[in-house]
Amino acid sequence: MIISQKYLLHLKSHINFFSEGIIEGLKALGVKAKFRPINDVVVGNRKISGASQHHLYNAFVHHGALNVDPNLEVLEKVLKVSKTKLKEKGFSSIKESLTTLRIELGRKIQLNTVKLALIRGFKKILGVKFKKGKLNNWELNMAKKLYEKKYKTSEWIFWRSKPSLEFSSSYKAEKGVINVALSLKGIIISDIYITGDFLLEPNGALTQLEETLKGGIISEKWLSETINQLFKTKRIKTTGIAAEDFVKAIMKAVPF
């Protein structure tokens, strides 16, 4: 779903707002769900849907996943979720923390039925009417070209992957986990890789943060001044975490 920024000026929190469409759709199917910050839709305390967003030019792309009838045994094997995060929510495993439409309804449900319910849910929340469309030839050709030249390549798929670095840490902030891996040359940061379940705006802010820290020194004072200044000048916004949380996560990885 791609929505213009101009339209969004009239909306509340983006992820919260669009999650209401999912919640309304689930309600129509007979499942009572609610939003759980930062980006989850839950039934009781178990996650049934999650969302993320990507800012692109003068719009942003909102993406969501809904557990209709996945194999939870397979999800348990392929998903990488922080044990700290699971424990905080009272779960010992990924499988235990999730639920599905089939589980909640006690029966199998047709995918088309789910789609129609979600369409009705978003119609109500957005106050709009949807109409069916199809990709034109230019769009189809561009999608094929991008797939062949970009999205199926190892360079793109693994662009955020890094070889094993020297030191690492996992830091639990108020509403999110920050994972840090770094290498040092003396007290100089030669390489750093930051991941986690947090949101940063605008697009590319995380990469900019990593690049700013490379060549810097392992000093709580320097890190605090540098990260806070970057957040201020680049107007970086976070959800559930603060600039100082990155400082704490980095310092936690340092062995001295």
C-alpha atoms as a PDB file:
ATOM      1  CA  MET A   1       0.000   0.000   0.000  1.00  0.00           C
ATOM      2  CA  ILE A   2       1.509   3.329  -1.073  1.00  0.00           C
ATOM      3  CA  ILE A   3       0.105   6.514   0.460  1.00  0.00           C
ATOM      4  CA  SER A   4       1.173  10.098  -0.258  1.00  0.00           C
ATOM      5  CA  GLN A   5       2.724  12.156   2.521  1.00  0.00           C
ATOM      6  CA  LYS A   6       0.229  14.968   1.843  1.00  0.00           C
ATOM      7  CA  TYR A   7      -2.649  12.646   2.698  1.00  0.00           C
ATOM      8  CA  LEU A   8      -0.849  11.467   5.815  1.00  0.00           C
ATOM      9  CA  LEU A   9      -0.834  14.944   7.328  1.00  0.00           C
ATOM     10  CA  HIS A  10      -4.395  14.201   8.411  1.00  0.00           C
ATOM     11  CA  LEU A  11      -3.624  10.843   9.962  1.00  0.00           C
ATOM     12  CA  LYS A  12      -2.428   9.673  13.370  1.00  0.00           C
ATOM     13  CA  SER A  13       0.571   7.358  13.936  1.00  0.00           C
ATOM     14  CA  HIS A  14       1.158   5.598  10.609  1.00  0.00           C
ATOM     15  CA  ILE A  15       1.647   1.992  11.723  1.00  0.00           C
ATOM     16  CA  ASN A  16      -1.011   2.259  14.412  1.00  0.00           C
ATOM     17  CA  PHE A  17      -3.449   3.772  11.926  1.00  0.00           C
ATOM     18  CA  PHE A  18      -3.020   1.163   9.192  1.00  0.00           C
ATOM     19  CA  SER A  19      -3.076  -1.667  11.727  1.00  0.00           C
ATOM     20  CA  GLU A  20      -6.656  -0.602  12.465  1.00  0.00           C
ATOM     21  CA  GLY A  21      -7.539  -1.815   8.959  1.00  0.00           C
ATOM     22  CA  ILE A  22      -6.249  -5.278   9.869  1.00  0.00           C
ATOM     23  CA  ILE A  23      -8.090  -5.188  13.193  1.00  0.00           C
ATOM     24  CA  GLU A  24     -11.377  -4.276  11.493  1.00  0.00           C
ATOM     25  CA  GLY A  25     -10.887  -7.045   8.956  1.00  0.00           C
ATOM     26  CA  LEU A  26     -10.246  -9.588  11.711  1.00  0.00           C
ATOM     27  CA  LYS A  27     -13.312  -8.344  13.564  1.00  0.00           C
ATOM     28  CA  ALA A  28     -15.433  -9.093  10.488  1.00  0.00           C
ATOM     29  CA  LEU A  29     -14.069 -12.643  10.553  1.00  0.00           C
ATOM     30  CA  GLY A  30     -14.990 -13.064  14.216  1.00  0.00           C
ATOM     31  CA  VAL A  31     -11.568 -12.477  15.757  1.00  0.00           C
ATOM     32  CA  LYS A  32     -11.067  -9.751  18.361  1.00  0.00           C
ATOM     33  CA  ALA A  33      -7.607  -8.208  18.011  1.00  0.00           C
ATOM     34  CA  LYS A  34      -5.795  -5.094  19.204  1.00  0.00           C
ATOM     35  CA  PHE A  35      -2.708  -3.051  18.370  1.00  0.00           C
ATOM     36  CA  ARG A  36       0.459  -3.555  20.428  1.00  0.00           C
ATOM     37  CA  PRO A  37       3.244  -1.010  19.993  1.00  0.00           C
ATOM     38  CA  ILE A  38       5.482  -0.791  18.101  1.00  0.00           C
ATOM     39  CA  ASN A  39       4.090  -2.679  15.124  1.00  0.00           C
ATOM     40  CA  ASP A  40       2.112  -5.765  16.181  1.00  0.00           C
ATOM     41  CA  VAL A  41      -1.520  -6.831  16.038  1.00  0.00           C
ATOM     42  CA  VAL A  42      -2.272  -9.371  18.752  1.00  0.00           C
ATOM     43  CA  VAL A  43      -5.058 -11.656  19.884  1.00  0.00           C
ATOM     44  CA  GLY A  44      -4.800 -11.822  23.654  1.00  0.00           C
ATOM     45  CA  ASN A  45      -1.041 -11.549  23.951  1.00  0.00           C
ATOM     46  CA  ARG A  46      -0.080 -13.569  20.886  1.00  0.00           C
ATOM     47  CA  LYS A  47       0.952 -11.966  17.618  1.00  0.00           C
ATOM     48  CA  ILE A  48      -1.209 -12.566  14.549  1.00  0.00           C
ATOM     49  CA  SER A  49       0.044  -9.724  12.344  1.00  0.00           C
ATOM     50  CA  GLY A  50       2.994  -7.363  12.044  1.00  0.00           C
ATOM     51  CA  ALA A  51       3.821  -4.362   9.891  1.00  0.00           C
ATOM     52  CA  SER A  52       6.700  -2.266   8.617  1.00  0.00           C
ATOM     53  CA  GLN A  53       7.101   0.840   6.480  1.00  0.00           C
ATOM     54  CA  HIS A  54       9.540   2.231   3.956  1.00  0.00           C
ATOM     55  CA  HIS A  55       9.667   5.902   3.042  1.00  0.00           C
ATOM     56  CA  LEU A  56      10.083   6.425  -0.683  1.00  0.00           C
ATOM     57  CA  TYR A  57      10.272   9.854  -2.343  1.00  0.00           C
ATOM     58  CA  ASN A  58       7.046  11.719  -1.415  1.00  0.00           C
ATOM     59  CA  ALA A  59       5.236   8.611  -0.193  1.00  0.00           C
ATOM     60  CA  PHE A  60       5.776   5.576   1.971  1.00  0.00           C
ATOM     61  CA  VAL A  61       5.118   1.880   1.462  1.00  0.00           C
ATOM     62  CA  HIS A  62       3.204   0.131   4.233  1.00  0.00           C
ATOM     63  CA  HIS A  63       3.708  -3.630   4.403  1.00  0.00           C
ATOM     64  CA  GLY A  64       1.888  -6.078   6.642  1.00  0.00           C
ATOM     65  CA  ALA A  65       1.775  -9.843   7.177  1.00  0.00           C
ATOM     66  CA  LEU A  66      -1.175 -11.786   8.566  1.00  0.00           C
ATOM     67  CA  ASN A  67      -0.897 -15.327   9.931  1.00  0.00           C
ATOM     68  CA  VAL A  68      -3.718 -17.160   8.176  1.00  0.00           C
ATOM     69  CA  ASP A  69      -2.544 -20.774   8.424  1.00  0.00           C
ATOM     70  CA  PRO A  70       1.273 -20.918   8.423  1.00  0.00           C
ATOM     71  CA  ASN A  71       3.288 -23.877   9.647  1.00  0.00           C
ATOM     72  CA  LEU A  72       4.449 -22.636  13.034  1.00  0.00           C
ATOM     73  CA  GLU A  73       7.056 -25.395  13.237  1.00  0.00           C
ATOM     74  CA  VAL A  74       8.731 -23.986  10.111  1.00  0.00           C
ATOM     75  CA  LEU A  75       8.452 -20.400  11.382  1.00  0.00           C
ATOM     76  CA  GLU A  76      10.147 -21.488  14.594  1.00  0.00           C
ATOM     77  CA  LYS A  77      13.146 -22.629  12.550  1.00  0.00           C
ATOM     78  CA  VAL A  78      13.516 -19.701  10.140  1.00  0.00           C
ATOM     79  CA  LEU A  79      12.584 -16.621  12.186  1.00  0.00           C
ATOM     80  CA  LYS A  80      15.268 -14.874  14.219  1.00  0.00           C
ATOM     81  CA  VAL A  81      13.734 -13.262  17.279  1.00  0.00           C
ATOM     82  CA  SER A  82      15.610 -11.959  20.293  1.00  0.00           C
ATOM     83  CA  LYS A  83      15.320 -14.283  23.284  1.00  0.00           C
ATOM     84  CA  THR A  84      15.308 -11.183  25.465  1.00  0.00           C
ATOM     85  CA  LYS A  85      12.263  -9.859  23.622  1.00  0.00           C
ATOM     86  CA  LEU A  86      10.426 -13.194  23.889  1.00  0.00           C
ATOM     87  CA  LYS A  87      11.168 -13.481  27.598  1.00  0.00           C
ATOM     88  CA  GLU A  88       9.960  -9.927  28.225  1.00  0.00           C
ATOM     89  CA  LYS A  89       6.591 -10.826  26.712  1.00  0.00           C
ATOM     90  CA  GLY A  90       6.334 -14.007  28.772  1.00  0.00           C
ATOM     91  CA  PHE A  91       7.184 -16.553  26.061  1.00  0.00           C
ATOM     92  CA  SER A  92       9.900 -19.187  25.852  1.00  0.00           C
ATOM     93  CA  SER A  93       9.670 -19.776  22.094  1.00  0.00           C
ATOM     94  CA  ILE A  94       8.581 -18.103  18.833  1.00  0.00           C
ATOM     95  CA  LYS A  95       5.882 -20.715  18.274  1.00  0.00           C
ATOM     96  CA  GLU A  96       4.391 -19.972  21.676  1.00  0.00           C
ATOM     97  CA  SER A  97       4.255 -16.233  20.942  1.00  0.00           C
ATOM     98  CA  LEU A  98       2.275 -16.537  17.697  1.00  0.00           C
ATOM     99  CA  THR A  99      -1.276 -17.367  16.731  1.00  0.00           C
ATOM    100  CA  THR A 100      -3.096 -17.833  13.423  1.00  0.00           C
ATOM    101  CA  LEU A 101      -6.557 -17.336  11.994  1.00  0.00           C
ATOM    102  CA  ARG A 102      -7.032 -21.081  11.838  1.00  0.00           C
ATOM    103  CA  ILE A 103      -6.174 -21.445  15.518  1.00  0.00           C
ATOM    104  CA  GLU A 104      -8.447 -18.572  16.581  1.00  0.00           C
ATOM    105  CA  LEU A 105     -11.407 -19.701  14.451  1.00  0.00           C
ATOM    106  CA  GLY A 106     -10.889 -23.391  15.074  1.00  0.00           C
ATOM    107  CA  ARG A 107     -11.261 -24.119  11.377  1.00  0.00           C
ATOM    108  CA  LYS A 108      -9.622 -23.563   8.015  1.00  0.00           C
ATOM    109  CA  ILE A 109     -10.616 -20.402   6.169  1.00  0.00           C
ATOM    110  CA  GLN A 110     -10.420 -19.584   2.466  1.00  0.00           C
ATOM    111  CA  LEU A 111      -7.783 -17.020   1.558  1.00  0.00           C
ATOM    112  CA  ASN A 112     -10.233 -15.093  -0.630  1.00  0.00           C
ATOM    113  CA  THR A 113     -12.554 -14.703   2.365  1.00  0.00           C
ATOM    114  CA  VAL A 114      -9.671 -13.179   4.323  1.00  0.00           C
ATOM    115  CA  LYS A 115      -8.839 -10.799   1.471  1.00  0.00           C
ATOM    116  CA  LEU A 116     -12.408  -9.532   1.221  1.00  0.00           C
ATOM    117  CA  ALA A 117     -12.564  -8.968   4.987  1.00  0.00           C
ATOM    118  CA  LEU A 118      -9.327  -6.954   4.912  1.00  0.00           C
ATOM    119  CA  ILE A 119     -10.589  -4.852   2.010  1.00  0.00           C
ATOM    120  CA  ARG A 120     -13.716  -4.011   4.019  1.00  0.00           C
ATOM    121  CA  GLY A 121     -11.576  -3.208   7.047  1.00  0.00           C
ATOM    122  CA  PHE A 122      -9.373  -0.768   5.138  1.00  0.00           C
ATOM    123  CA  LYS A 123     -12.369   0.775   3.385  1.00  0.00           C
ATOM    124  CA  LYS A 124     -13.819   1.635   6.770  1.00  0.00           C
ATOM    125  CA  ILE A 125     -10.592   2.969   8.289  1.00  0.00           C
ATOM    126  CA  LEU A 126      -9.439   4.950   5.273  1.00  0.00           C
ATOM    127  CA  GLY A 127     -12.891   6.112   4.245  1.00  0.00           C
ATOM    128  CA  VAL A 128     -12.199   5.279   0.601  1.00  0.00           C
ATOM    129  CA  LYS A 129     -13.496   3.000  -2.144  1.00  0.00           C
ATOM    130  CA  PHE A 130     -11.152   0.546  -3.795  1.00  0.00           C
ATOM    131  CA  LYS A 131     -11.333  -0.510  -7.411  1.00  0.00           C
ATOM    132  CA  LYS A 132      -9.572  -3.365  -9.158  1.00  0.00           C
ATOM    133  CA  GLY A 133      -6.661  -2.495 -11.390  1.00  0.00           C
ATOM    134  CA  LYS A 134      -3.855  -4.219 -13.222  1.00  0.00           C
ATOM    135  CA  LEU A 135      -0.257  -3.470 -14.070  1.00  0.00           C
ATOM    136  CA  ASN A 136       0.392  -1.905 -17.460  1.00  0.00           C
ATOM    137  CA  ASN A 137       3.089  -3.203 -19.843  1.00  0.00           C
ATOM    138  CA  TRP A 138       5.698  -0.724 -18.645  1.00  0.00           C
ATOM    139  CA  GLU A 139       5.147  -1.764 -15.008  1.00  0.00           C
ATOM    140  CA  LEU A 140       5.287  -5.484 -15.863  1.00  0.00           C
ATOM    141  CA  ASN A 141       8.505  -5.059 -17.857  1.00  0.00           C
ATOM    142  CA  MET A 142      10.082  -2.917 -15.138  1.00  0.00           C
ATOM    143  CA  ALA A 143       9.168  -5.505 -12.457  1.00  0.00           C
ATOM    144  CA  LYS A 144      10.780  -8.266 -14.528  1.00  0.00           C
ATOM    145  CA  LYS A 145      13.880  -6.163 -15.151  1.00  0.00           C
ATOM    146  CA  LEU A 146      14.267  -5.268 -11.474  1.00  0.00           C
ATOM    147  CA  TYR A 147      13.852  -8.906 -10.479  1.00  0.00           C
ATOM    148  CA  GLU A 148      16.487 -10.122 -12.921  1.00  0.00           C
ATOM    149  CA  LYS A 149      19.020  -7.325 -12.409  1.00  0.00           C
ATOM    150  CA  LYS A 150      18.528  -6.531  -8.741  1.00  0.00           C
ATOM    151  CA  TYR A 151      16.190  -8.384  -6.417  1.00  0.00           C
ATOM    152  CA  LYS A 152      17.284 -11.969  -7.134  1.00  0.00           C
ATOM    153  CA  THR A 153      20.998 -11.180  -6.904  1.00  0.00           C
ATOM    154  CA  SER A 154      23.058 -12.197  -3.907  1.00  0.00           C
ATOM    155  CA  GLU A 155      24.479  -8.668  -3.725  1.00  0.00           C
ATOM    156  CA  TRP A 156      21.037  -7.222  -3.047  1.00  0.00           C
ATOM    157  CA  ILE A 157      19.673 -10.054  -0.890  1.00  0.00           C
ATOM    158  CA  PHE A 158      22.682 -10.044   1.422  1.00  0.00           C
ATOM    159  CA  TRP A 159      23.609  -6.356   1.243  1.00  0.00           C
ATOM    160  CA  ARG A 160      23.152  -5.969   4.993  1.00  0.00           C
ATOM    161  CA  SER A 161      25.143  -9.108   5.781  1.00  0.00           C
ATOM    162  CA  LYS A 162      28.596  -8.728   7.292  1.00  0.00           C
ATOM    163  CA  PRO A 163      31.349 -11.191   8.152  1.00  0.00           C
ATOM    164  CA  SER A 164      31.638 -12.004  11.819  1.00  0.00           C
ATOM    165  CA  LEU A 165      32.959  -8.965  13.678  1.00  0.00           C
ATOM    166  CA  GLU A 166      35.035  -8.979  16.849  1.00  0.00           C
ATOM    167  CA  PHE A 167      32.558  -7.845  19.492  1.00  0.00           C
ATOM    168  CA  SER A 168      28.792  -7.872  19.832  1.00  0.00           C
ATOM    169  CA  SER A 169      25.957  -7.056  22.200  1.00  0.00           C
ATOM    170  CA  SER A 170      22.192  -7.146  22.478  1.00  0.00           C
ATOM    171  CA  TYR A 171      20.662  -4.246  24.373  1.00  0.00           C
ATOM    172  CA  LYS A 172      17.008  -4.070  25.471  1.00  0.00           C
ATOM    173  CA  ALA A 173      15.598  -0.558  25.215  1.00  0.00           C
ATOM    174  CA  GLU A 174      12.152   0.473  26.471  1.00  0.00           C
ATOM    175  CA  LYS A 175      10.376  -0.798  23.351  1.00  0.00           C
ATOM    176  CA  GLY A 176      12.885  -2.574  21.186  1.00  0.00           C
ATOM    177  CA  VAL A 177      16.154  -4.488  21.018  1.00  0.00           C
ATOM    178  CA  ILE A 178      19.365  -3.064  19.521  1.00  0.00           C
ATOM    179  CA  ASN A 179      21.976  -5.551  18.298  1.00  0.00           C
ATOM    180  CA  VAL A 180      25.506  -4.290  17.721  1.00  0.00           C
ATOM    181  CA  ALA A 181      28.495  -5.999  16.107  1.00  0.00           C
ATOM    182  CA  LEU A 182      31.753  -4.068  15.762  1.00  0.00           C
ATOM    183  CA  SER A 183      35.475  -4.310  15.158  1.00  0.00           C
ATOM    184  CA  LEU A 184      38.116  -2.093  16.734  1.00  0.00           C
ATOM    185  CA  LYS A 185      41.610  -0.916  15.966  1.00  0.00           C
ATOM    186  CA  GLY A 186      42.755   0.119  19.394  1.00  0.00           C
ATOM    187  CA  ILE A 187      39.974   2.463  20.506  1.00  0.00           C
ATOM    188  CA  ILE A 188      38.903   3.299  16.948  1.00  0.00           C
ATOM    189  CA  ILE A 189      35.719   1.801  15.468  1.00  0.00           C
ATOM    190  CA  SER A 190      36.873   0.209  12.193  1.00  0.00           C
ATOM    191  CA  ASP A 191      33.511  -1.387  11.355  1.00  0.00           C
ATOM    192  CA  ILE A 192      30.065  -1.485  12.934  1.00  0.00           C
ATOM    193  CA  TYR A 193      26.798  -3.223  12.117  1.00  0.00           C
ATOM    194  CA  ILE A 194      23.525  -2.352  13.886  1.00  0.00           C
ATOM    195  CA  THR A 195      20.263  -4.298  13.661  1.00  0.00           C
ATOM    196  CA  GLY A 196      17.161  -4.772  15.824  1.00  0.00           C
ATOM    197  CA  ASP A 197      13.408  -4.434  16.069  1.00  0.00           C
ATOM    198  CA  PHE A 198      13.296  -0.641  16.081  1.00  0.00           C
ATOM    199  CA  LEU A 199      12.147   1.960  13.563  1.00  0.00           C
ATOM    200  CA  LEU A 200      14.203   4.894  12.307  1.00  0.00           C
ATOM    201  CA  GLU A 201      13.075   7.704  10.025  1.00  0.00           C
ATOM    202  CA  PRO A 202      13.889   8.907   7.407  1.00  0.00           C
ATOM    203  CA  ASN A 203      14.844   6.072   5.083  1.00  0.00           C
ATOM    204  CA  GLY A 204      18.577   5.346   5.194  1.00  0.00           C
ATOM    205  CA  ALA A 205      19.052   6.746   8.688  1.00  0.00           C
ATOM    206  CA  LEU A 206      20.509   3.512  10.058  1.00  0.00           C
ATOM    207  CA  THR A 207      23.133   3.286   7.320  1.00  0.00           C
ATOM    208  CA  GLN A 208      23.991   6.942   7.908  1.00  0.00           C
ATOM    209  CA  LEU A 209      24.409   6.244  11.626  1.00  0.00           C
ATOM    210  CA  GLU A 210      26.798   3.355  10.956  1.00  0.00           C
ATOM    211  CA  GLU A 211      28.869   5.388   8.500  1.00  0.00           C
ATOM    212  CA  THR A 212      29.083   8.287  10.967  1.00  0.00           C
ATOM    213  CA  LEU A 213      30.391   6.014  13.715  1.00  0.00           C
ATOM    214  CA  LYS A 214      33.099   4.366  11.606  1.00  0.00           C
ATOM    215  CA  GLY A 215      36.453   5.928  12.409  1.00  0.00           C
ATOM    216  CA  GLY A 216      35.153   7.292  15.694  1.00  0.00           C
ATOM    217  CA  ILE A 217      36.428   6.418  19.139  1.00  0.00           C
ATOM    218  CA  ILE A 218      34.999   4.125  21.772  1.00  0.00           C
ATOM    219  CA  SER A 219      34.084   6.758  24.296  1.00  0.00           C
ATOM    220  CA  GLU A 220      30.685   7.178  25.910  1.00  0.00           C
ATOM    221  CA  LYS A 221      31.043  10.947  25.694  1.00  0.00           C
ATOM    222  CA  TRP A 222      32.052  10.951  22.007  1.00  0.00           C
ATOM    223  CA  LEU A 223      29.312   8.484  21.085  1.00  0.00           C
ATOM    224  CA  SER A 224      26.655  10.470  22.937  1.00  0.00           C
ATOM    225  CA  GLU A 225      27.654  13.799  21.396  1.00  0.00           C
ATOM    226  CA  THR A 226      28.007  12.338  17.889  1.00  0.00           C
ATOM    227  CA  ILE A 227      24.780  10.337  17.834  1.00  0.00           C
ATOM    228  CA  ASN A 228      22.676  13.089  19.401  1.00  0.00           C
ATOM    229  CA  GLN A 229      24.104  15.652  16.960  1.00  0.00           C
ATOM    230  CA  LEU A 230      23.373  13.352  14.001  1.00  0.00           C
ATOM    231  CA  PHE A 231      19.792  12.801  15.174  1.00  0.00           C
ATOM    232  CA  LYS A 232      19.316  16.550  15.563  1.00  0.00           C
ATOM    233  CA  THR A 233      20.854  17.725  12.286  1.00  0.00           C
ATOM    234  CA  LYS A 234      19.352  14.945  10.154  1.00  0.00           C
ATOM    235  CA  ARG A 235      16.035  15.039  12.024  1.00  0.00           C
ATOM    236  CA  ILE A 236      16.143  11.326  12.710  1.00  0.00           C
ATOM    237  CA  LYS A 237      13.071  10.053  14.521  1.00  0.00           C
ATOM    238  CA  THR A 238      12.757   6.819  16.446  1.00  0.00           C
ATOM    239  CA  THR A 239       9.919   4.739  17.855  1.00  0.00           C
ATOM    240  CA  GLY A 240      10.390   3.043  21.206  1.00  0.00           C
ATOM    241  CA  ILE A 241      14.096   3.900  21.522  1.00  0.00           C
ATOM    242  CA  ALA A 242      16.246   7.000  22.041  1.00  0.00           C
ATOM    243  CA  ALA A 243      19.599   8.166  20.739  1.00  0.00           C
ATOM    244  CA  GLU A 244      21.184   7.309  24.085  1.00  0.00           C
ATOM    245  CA  ASP A 245      20.059   3.685  23.710  1.00  0.00           C
ATOM    246  CA  PHE A 246      22.456   3.312  20.787  1.00  0.00           C
ATOM    247  CA  VAL A 247      25.252   4.625  22.995  1.00  0.00           C
ATOM    248  CA  LYS A 248      24.440   2.055  25.686  1.00  0.00           C
ATOM    249  CA  ALA A 249      24.193  -0.769  23.142  1.00  0.00           C
ATOM    250  CA  ILE A 250      27.599   0.065  21.638  1.00  0.00           C
ATOM    251  CA  MET A 251      29.308   0.454  25.004  1.00  0.00           C
ATOM    252  CA  LYS A 252      27.829  -2.874  26.111  1.00  0.00           C
ATOM    253  CA  ALA A 253      29.658  -4.567  23.238  1.00  0.00           C
ATOM    254  CA  VAL A 254      33.035  -3.181  24.294  1.00  0.00           C
ATOM    255  CA  PRO A 255      35.105  -5.722  26.286  1.00  0.00           C
ATOM    256  CA  PHE A 256      37.043  -3.103  28.288  1.00  0.00           C
END
